[in-house]
Amino acid sequence: MPTITVKDGTEIYYKDWGTGQPLVFHHGWPLSSDDWDSQLMFFLTKGYRVIAADRRGHGRSTQASTGHDMDTYVADIVELVDSLDLHDAVHIGHSTGGGVAIRYAARAAQGRVAKVVLISAVTPLMLQTPANPEGVPMAVFDEIRESTATNRAQYFQDFTLPFYGYNREGAQIKQGIRDNWWRQGMSGGANAHYLGIAAFSETDFTDDLKSVDIPVLVLHGEDDQIVPFPISGAKSIKLLKHGKLISYPGFPHGMPATEAATINADLLAFIQG
């Protein structure tokens, strides 16, 4: 398997397919690069080079006991991008991966990043604080931590329902999509997933969003039950210098899988624009 070994000895697994302009995909919690299969295959056929890594502690990367914070996630991407010598890349992040993508772009060397896409992203800040009263209360994230630590297998099964909007009346449930989510989640480490909850919920990306001076596309489902649109996409677009927002009525958090045709078309238009 293709891997790089980063500074603390953690091995990061990645996929690197095709040639052309590089597109770098960053997955959400608690998944792996496999969550991007619909996008990787689509853009591969369009002549792009597609790269996706399993975050440390997730998928086929080392189940490291430390480093499960946003700055370390980004540092790992810096090492991967430098190793592959990527330039003029489009960084595309879903959920937690959106946070990684925008923080990487804010810190990347000139010429490394051309554009950024935030899909159902956790930006600018999920946690409810005095400065962010519309955010999600800490008790919700504490419940996710408790379930991840003590009942992960069943909790991950149950989590797929709101993730994909399969708990909505009239939803057409695809069991394979649910099973694939569970497979990816259970391939990672419980400790990494537990510690990573703070990374996606408590990291404030306000300054990252404000500082990025390249085009950024924000895609968000208006029926996102995991990262609600009013506290995320609707706020992120107001902080960006060169942002474009597309919100989708009725689309769920996991829309890159359930609504791949729509998402892929909008991604392609932005990348080519």
Protein backbone atom coordinates (compact mmCIF):
# COMPACT_ATOMS: atom_id res chain seq x y z
CA MET A 1 0.00 0.00 0.00
CA PRO A 2 1.32 3.51 -0.74
CA THR A 3 2.18 5.29 2.50
CA ILE A 4 4.37 8.07 3.79
CA THR A 5 5.90 8.09 7.25
CA VAL A 6 5.49 11.48 8.92
CA LYS A 7 7.74 13.04 11.53
CA ASP A 8 6.38 11.18 14.55
CA GLY A 9 6.57 7.80 12.81
CA THR A 10 2.90 7.55 11.87
CA GLU A 11 2.27 5.95 8.49
CA ILE A 12 -0.33 7.75 6.37
CA TYR A 13 -1.99 5.66 3.67
CA TYR A 14 -3.01 7.44 0.49
CA LYS A 15 -4.40 6.85 -3.00
CA ASP A 16 -2.81 8.63 -5.95
CA TRP A 17 -4.43 7.89 -9.28
CA GLY A 18 -4.17 9.46 -12.71
CA THR A 19 -2.43 12.50 -14.12
CA GLY A 20 -3.30 16.13 -14.70
CA GLN A 21 -4.22 18.83 -12.21
CA PRO A 22 -4.21 17.32 -8.70
CA LEU A 23 -7.39 17.16 -6.68
CA VAL A 24 -6.81 16.35 -2.99
CA PHE A 25 -9.75 14.94 -1.03
CA HIS A 26 -10.07 15.10 2.77
CA HIS A 27 -12.61 12.77 4.39
CA GLY A 28 -14.88 13.22 7.38
CA TRP A 29 -15.05 11.61 10.83
CA PRO A 30 -14.74 8.63 11.41
CA LEU A 31 -14.30 7.47 7.81
CA SER A 32 -11.46 6.94 5.33
CA SER A 33 -10.47 7.91 1.82
CA ASP A 34 -12.90 5.25 0.56
CA ASP A 35 -15.72 7.68 1.29
CA TRP A 36 -14.63 9.60 -1.82
CA ASP A 37 -14.91 6.69 -4.26
CA SER A 38 -17.74 8.29 -6.26
CA GLN A 39 -15.70 11.48 -6.67
CA LEU A 40 -12.35 9.77 -7.28
CA MET A 41 -13.72 7.65 -10.10
CA PHE A 42 -15.64 10.55 -11.66
CA PHE A 43 -12.69 12.93 -11.76
CA LEU A 44 -10.27 10.23 -12.84
CA THR A 45 -12.35 9.81 -16.00
CA LYS A 46 -12.27 13.59 -16.51
CA GLY A 47 -8.48 13.64 -16.73
CA TYR A 48 -7.54 14.73 -13.23
CA ARG A 49 -5.02 13.33 -10.78
CA VAL A 50 -6.93 12.33 -7.66
CA ILE A 51 -5.33 11.97 -4.24
CA ALA A 52 -7.01 10.93 -0.99
CA ALA A 53 -5.42 9.93 2.29
CA ASP A 54 -6.68 8.11 5.36
CA ARG A 55 -6.31 10.49 8.30
CA ARG A 56 -4.06 9.22 11.11
CA GLY A 57 -5.97 6.74 13.24
CA HIS A 58 -8.49 6.18 10.44
CA GLY A 59 -8.73 3.53 7.75
CA ARG A 60 -5.37 2.01 6.79
CA SER A 61 -3.18 4.64 8.43
CA THR A 62 -1.42 3.93 11.73
CA GLN A 63 -3.71 3.87 14.76
CA ALA A 64 -1.48 6.41 16.47
CA SER A 65 -2.18 7.18 20.11
CA THR A 66 -1.42 10.88 19.71
CA GLY A 67 -1.82 13.70 17.23
CA HIS A 68 -5.60 13.66 16.94
CA ASP A 69 -5.97 17.41 16.67
CA MET A 70 -6.50 19.72 13.71
CA ASP A 71 -2.99 21.13 13.57
CA THR A 72 -1.45 17.66 13.43
CA TYR A 73 -3.95 16.54 10.79
CA VAL A 74 -2.85 19.52 8.71
CA ALA A 75 0.84 18.87 9.38
CA ASP A 76 0.37 15.34 8.02
CA ILE A 77 -1.15 16.79 4.84
CA VAL A 78 1.75 19.21 4.50
CA GLU A 79 4.13 16.25 4.54
CA LEU A 80 2.02 14.33 2.02
CA VAL A 81 1.73 17.29 -0.36
CA ASP A 82 5.46 18.01 -0.09
CA SER A 83 6.29 14.34 -0.66
CA LEU A 84 4.15 14.24 -3.82
CA ASP A 85 5.29 17.76 -4.78
CA LEU A 86 1.76 18.92 -5.59
CA HIS A 87 1.20 22.35 -7.10
CA ASP A 88 -1.93 24.20 -8.27
CA ALA A 89 -4.05 21.62 -6.42
CA VAL A 90 -7.72 21.85 -5.56
CA HIS A 91 -8.34 20.74 -1.97
CA ILE A 92 -11.79 19.30 -1.33
CA GLY A 93 -12.94 18.54 2.21
CA HIS A 94 -16.09 16.94 3.58
CA SER A 95 -17.20 17.59 7.17
CA THR A 96 -14.06 17.34 9.36
CA GLY A 97 -12.08 17.22 6.14
CA GLY A 98 -13.40 20.68 5.29
CA GLY A 99 -11.66 22.00 8.36
CA VAL A 100 -8.44 20.29 7.31
CA ALA A 101 -8.71 21.68 3.78
CA ILE A 102 -9.25 25.31 4.77
CA ARG A 103 -6.57 25.29 7.48
CA TYR A 104 -4.11 23.69 5.08
CA ALA A 105 -4.92 26.30 2.43
CA ALA A 106 -4.45 29.09 4.96
CA ARG A 107 -0.95 27.84 5.79
CA ALA A 108 0.22 26.38 2.46
CA ALA A 109 3.18 27.70 0.54
CA GLN A 110 2.36 29.91 -2.41
CA GLY A 111 1.48 27.94 -5.52
CA ARG A 112 0.46 24.78 -3.70
CA VAL A 113 -3.30 25.45 -3.65
CA ALA A 114 -5.44 26.85 -6.48
CA LYS A 115 -8.92 26.45 -5.01
CA VAL A 116 -10.73 24.95 -2.03
CA VAL A 117 -14.11 23.24 -1.72
CA LEU A 118 -15.92 22.86 1.61
CA ILE A 119 -18.66 20.21 1.54
CA SER A 120 -20.89 19.88 4.61
CA ALA A 121 -17.92 21.33 6.47
CA VAL A 122 -17.56 21.90 10.21
CA THR A 123 -16.36 25.46 9.62
CA PRO A 124 -16.28 28.01 11.16
CA LEU A 125 -17.02 26.48 14.62
CA MET A 126 -19.48 23.82 15.69
CA LEU A 127 -19.33 24.17 19.47
CA GLN A 128 -21.67 26.47 21.33
CA THR A 129 -19.67 29.17 23.13
CA PRO A 130 -20.50 32.66 24.44
CA ALA A 131 -19.20 34.02 21.14
CA ASN A 132 -21.02 31.32 19.15
CA PRO A 133 -24.38 30.91 20.93
CA GLU A 134 -26.03 29.23 17.93
CA GLY A 135 -23.56 26.36 18.10
CA VAL A 136 -24.09 22.79 19.26
CA PRO A 137 -23.97 22.30 23.06
CA MET A 138 -21.00 20.42 24.53
CA ALA A 139 -23.40 17.82 25.93
CA VAL A 140 -24.07 16.59 22.39
CA PHE A 141 -20.38 16.00 21.73
CA ASP A 142 -19.96 14.38 25.14
CA GLU A 143 -22.69 11.93 24.16
CA ILE A 144 -20.85 11.15 20.91
CA ARG A 145 -17.67 10.56 22.93
CA GLU A 146 -19.43 8.25 25.37
CA SER A 147 -21.04 6.21 22.60
CA THR A 148 -17.80 6.00 20.63
CA ALA A 149 -15.89 4.78 23.68
CA THR A 150 -18.45 2.27 24.96
CA ASN A 151 -20.76 1.23 22.13
CA ARG A 152 -18.94 2.10 18.93
CA ALA A 153 -20.14 -0.70 16.67
CA GLN A 154 -23.84 -0.15 17.32
CA TYR A 155 -23.50 3.61 17.53
CA PHE A 156 -21.86 3.73 14.13
CA GLN A 157 -24.69 1.64 12.69
CA ASP A 158 -27.26 4.04 14.10
CA PHE A 159 -25.31 7.14 13.05
CA THR A 160 -25.75 6.34 9.37
CA LEU A 161 -29.48 7.12 9.55
CA PRO A 162 -29.24 10.88 10.21
CA PHE A 163 -25.92 11.08 8.33
CA TYR A 164 -27.61 10.15 5.06
CA GLY A 165 -31.07 11.46 5.87
CA TYR A 166 -32.37 7.90 5.93
CA ASN A 167 -34.48 8.77 8.98
CA ARG A 168 -36.63 11.12 6.91
CA GLU A 169 -40.09 10.07 5.78
CA GLY A 170 -40.00 8.62 2.28
CA ALA A 171 -36.21 8.18 2.21
CA GLN A 172 -34.97 5.43 -0.09
CA ILE A 173 -32.48 3.62 2.13
CA LYS A 174 -29.49 2.01 0.43
CA GLN A 175 -28.13 -0.60 2.80
CA GLY A 176 -24.85 -0.80 0.93
CA ILE A 177 -24.13 2.87 1.64
CA ARG A 178 -24.88 2.31 5.33
CA ASP A 179 -22.70 -0.82 5.43
CA ASN A 180 -19.84 0.95 3.68
CA TRP A 181 -19.94 3.79 6.23
CA TRP A 182 -19.83 1.27 9.08
CA ARG A 183 -16.99 -0.67 7.42
CA GLN A 184 -14.90 2.46 7.09
CA GLY A 185 -15.61 3.61 10.62
CA MET A 186 -14.77 0.28 12.23
CA SER A 187 -11.49 0.04 10.31
CA GLY A 188 -10.16 2.99 12.30
CA GLY A 189 -9.10 3.20 15.91
CA ALA A 190 -11.56 3.88 18.71
CA ASN A 191 -9.04 6.11 20.49
CA ALA A 192 -8.44 8.19 17.36
CA HIS A 193 -12.17 8.58 16.84
CA TYR A 194 -12.74 9.51 20.47
CA LEU A 195 -10.01 12.16 20.54
CA GLY A 196 -10.92 13.45 17.09
CA ILE A 197 -14.33 14.59 18.28
CA ALA A 198 -12.75 17.60 19.97
CA ALA A 199 -10.85 18.38 16.78
CA PHE A 200 -13.96 18.70 14.64
CA SER A 201 -16.21 20.27 17.27
CA GLU A 202 -13.96 22.69 19.16
CA THR A 203 -11.59 24.00 16.48
CA ASP A 204 -12.35 27.56 15.40
CA PHE A 205 -11.65 28.12 11.70
CA THR A 206 -12.73 31.75 11.59
CA ASP A 207 -9.24 33.12 10.98
CA ASP A 208 -8.48 30.44 8.39
CA LEU A 209 -11.59 31.33 6.40
CA LYS A 210 -10.81 35.04 6.57
CA SER A 211 -7.19 34.66 5.49
CA VAL A 212 -7.62 32.47 2.40
CA ASP A 213 -7.24 34.62 -0.72
CA ILE A 214 -8.21 32.05 -3.37
CA PRO A 215 -11.61 30.89 -4.69
CA VAL A 216 -13.55 28.74 -2.21
CA LEU A 217 -16.75 26.86 -3.01
CA VAL A 218 -19.09 26.07 -0.12
CA LEU A 219 -21.56 23.23 -0.70
CA HIS A 220 -24.04 22.37 2.05
CA GLY A 221 -27.28 20.46 2.37
CA GLU A 222 -30.09 22.41 3.98
CA ASP A 223 -31.30 19.23 5.72
CA ASP A 224 -27.89 18.41 7.20
CA GLN A 225 -28.62 16.84 10.61
CA ILE A 226 -24.96 16.38 11.56
CA VAL A 227 -23.48 19.81 10.76
CA PRO A 228 -26.51 22.09 10.49
CA PHE A 229 -26.35 24.53 7.59
CA PRO A 230 -27.25 27.70 9.60
CA ILE A 231 -24.24 27.34 11.90
CA SER A 232 -21.76 26.23 9.24
CA GLY A 233 -22.08 26.86 5.52
CA ALA A 234 -24.27 29.92 6.01
CA LYS A 235 -21.66 31.43 8.32
CA SER A 236 -18.55 30.31 6.44
CA ILE A 237 -19.54 32.06 3.23
CA LYS A 238 -19.69 35.40 5.05
CA LEU A 239 -16.06 35.07 6.16
CA LEU A 240 -14.52 34.24 2.78
CA LYS A 241 -12.94 36.81 0.47
CA HIS A 242 -13.71 34.86 -2.70
CA GLY A 243 -16.46 32.46 -1.71
CA LYS A 244 -19.35 30.94 -3.61
CA LEU A 245 -22.19 29.15 -1.83
CA ILE A 246 -24.49 26.46 -3.17
CA SER A 247 -27.03 25.12 -0.68
CA TYR A 248 -29.31 22.22 -1.52
CA PRO A 249 -32.85 21.91 -0.14
CA GLY A 250 -33.39 18.47 1.37
CA PHE A 251 -29.83 17.21 0.92
CA PRO A 252 -28.25 15.39 3.91
CA HIS A 253 -24.79 15.55 5.46
CA GLY A 254 -23.56 12.60 3.42
CA MET A 255 -24.62 14.10 0.10
CA PRO A 256 -21.38 13.25 -1.78
CA ALA A 257 -22.60 9.64 -1.62
CA THR A 258 -26.37 10.01 -1.84
CA GLU A 259 -26.35 12.89 -4.34
CA ALA A 260 -23.08 12.19 -6.14
CA ALA A 261 -24.28 13.20 -9.63
CA THR A 262 -25.29 16.68 -8.45
CA ILE A 263 -22.23 17.21 -6.26
CA ASN A 264 -19.80 15.99 -8.93
CA ALA A 265 -21.31 18.28 -11.57
CA ASP A 266 -21.05 21.33 -9.31
CA LEU A 267 -17.49 20.43 -8.33
CA LEU A 268 -16.46 20.05 -11.95
CA ALA A 269 -17.97 23.39 -12.91
CA PHE A 270 -16.11 25.14 -10.09
CA ILE A 271 -12.79 23.42 -10.82
CA GLN A 272 -12.99 24.23 -14.51
CA GLY A 273 -14.31 27.76 -14.00
